[in-house]
Protein backbone atom coordinates (compact mmCIF):
# COMPACT_ATOMS: atom_id res chain seq x y z
CA MET A 1 0.00 0.00 0.00
CA THR A 2 1.44 3.35 -1.03
CA MET A 3 0.72 6.23 1.27
CA HIS A 4 0.42 9.71 -0.14
CA ASN A 5 2.15 12.57 1.57
CA PRO A 6 -0.51 14.43 3.55
CA PRO A 7 0.06 18.17 3.90
CA HIS A 8 1.03 19.68 7.21
CA PRO A 9 -2.18 21.05 8.77
CA GLY A 10 -0.62 24.52 8.89
CA GLU A 11 -0.48 24.63 5.11
CA VAL A 12 -4.19 23.83 4.88
CA ILE A 13 -5.07 26.34 7.59
CA ARG A 14 -3.06 29.00 5.75
CA THR A 15 -4.81 28.49 2.41
CA GLU A 16 -8.30 27.40 3.50
CA ILE A 17 -8.78 29.71 6.47
CA VAL A 18 -6.32 32.59 6.64
CA GLU A 19 -5.97 33.36 2.92
CA ALA A 20 -9.56 32.35 2.09
CA ASN A 21 -10.79 34.93 4.59
CA GLY A 22 -8.42 37.62 3.31
CA LEU A 23 -6.62 37.80 6.64
CA THR A 24 -3.03 38.68 7.37
CA VAL A 25 -1.15 36.44 9.79
CA THR A 26 -1.21 39.27 12.32
CA ARG A 27 -4.99 39.70 12.03
CA ALA A 28 -5.66 35.95 12.15
CA ALA A 29 -3.46 35.66 15.24
CA ARG A 30 -5.45 38.44 16.89
CA VAL A 31 -8.74 36.66 16.05
CA LEU A 32 -7.36 33.43 17.57
CA GLY A 33 -5.90 35.15 20.63
CA VAL A 34 -2.36 33.88 19.99
CA SER A 35 0.93 35.54 19.13
CA ARG A 36 1.81 36.21 15.52
CA GLN A 37 4.91 34.06 16.00
CA ALA A 38 2.87 31.09 17.25
CA LEU A 39 0.52 31.22 14.28
CA SER A 40 3.31 31.87 11.79
CA GLY A 41 5.20 28.81 13.02
CA LEU A 42 2.13 26.67 12.42
CA LEU A 43 1.29 28.15 9.02
CA ASN A 44 4.89 27.63 7.86
CA ALA A 45 4.84 23.99 9.05
CA ASN A 46 7.57 24.67 11.62
CA VAL A 47 5.48 23.58 14.62
CA ASP A 48 2.75 20.99 15.09
CA LEU A 49 -0.90 21.84 15.52
CA THR A 50 -1.80 21.58 19.21
CA GLY A 51 -5.17 20.71 20.64
CA ASP A 52 -5.54 24.22 22.04
CA MET A 53 -4.83 25.83 18.66
CA ALA A 54 -7.23 23.43 16.93
CA LEU A 55 -9.95 24.38 19.41
CA ARG A 56 -9.28 28.09 18.84
CA ILE A 57 -9.57 27.57 15.08
CA GLU A 58 -12.83 25.63 15.54
CA LYS A 59 -14.30 28.38 17.70
CA ALA A 60 -13.23 31.20 15.36
CA PHE A 61 -13.66 29.66 11.91
CA GLY A 62 -15.73 26.46 12.20
CA PRO A 63 -13.61 23.46 11.13
CA LYS A 64 -13.97 20.77 13.76
CA MET A 65 -11.07 20.27 16.14
CA GLU A 66 -11.23 16.52 15.49
CA THR A 67 -10.77 17.07 11.75
CA LEU A 68 -7.81 19.37 12.29
CA MET A 69 -6.15 17.02 14.77
CA GLY A 70 -6.78 14.12 12.40
CA MET A 71 -4.78 16.02 9.78
CA GLN A 72 -1.92 16.43 12.27
CA SER A 73 -2.07 12.74 13.13
CA ALA A 74 -2.02 11.70 9.46
CA TYR A 75 0.95 13.99 8.86
CA ASP A 76 2.82 12.62 11.91
CA ILE A 77 2.15 9.01 10.91
CA PHE A 78 3.42 9.61 7.38
CA GLN A 79 6.58 11.30 8.66
CA ALA A 80 7.27 8.43 11.08
CA ARG A 81 6.72 5.82 8.35
CA LYS A 82 9.27 7.65 6.18
CA ARG A 83 11.82 7.20 9.00
CA ALA A 84 10.93 3.55 9.69
CA GLY A 85 14.11 2.24 8.05
CA LYS A 86 16.23 4.22 10.50
CA ILE A 87 14.45 2.87 13.57
CA HIS A 88 15.92 -0.50 14.56
CA VAL A 89 13.79 -2.42 17.04
CA ARG A 90 13.37 -6.17 17.18
CA ARG A 91 9.98 -7.78 17.64
CA TYR A 92 9.48 -8.82 21.28
CA ASP A 93 9.56 -12.58 21.78
CA PRO A 94 8.37 -13.62 25.25
CA ALA A 95 10.08 -17.02 24.81
CA LEU A 96 13.46 -15.25 24.79
CA SER A 97 12.93 -13.27 27.99
CA ALA A 98 13.52 -15.12 31.18
């Protein structure tokens, strides 16, 4: 099964909420009650979407928190799967532990 690369939720929030509403980052941050730096980090995919930020976005703009957090989870899972070859862990075998 080939997984597609899901976008970082910040990219979607930037295009579908901030830009779609004609807002600047500064204005959107004011609407959300967060610092410009906090919102900018998210929109530029430099920080993960937190539950608190997702709830703020739901309250201000409507998209459900669960949908937004699902996007973050899908992004995180894809990123981890890309690194799977670098993570070396053996399957636990209870017969070998005594």
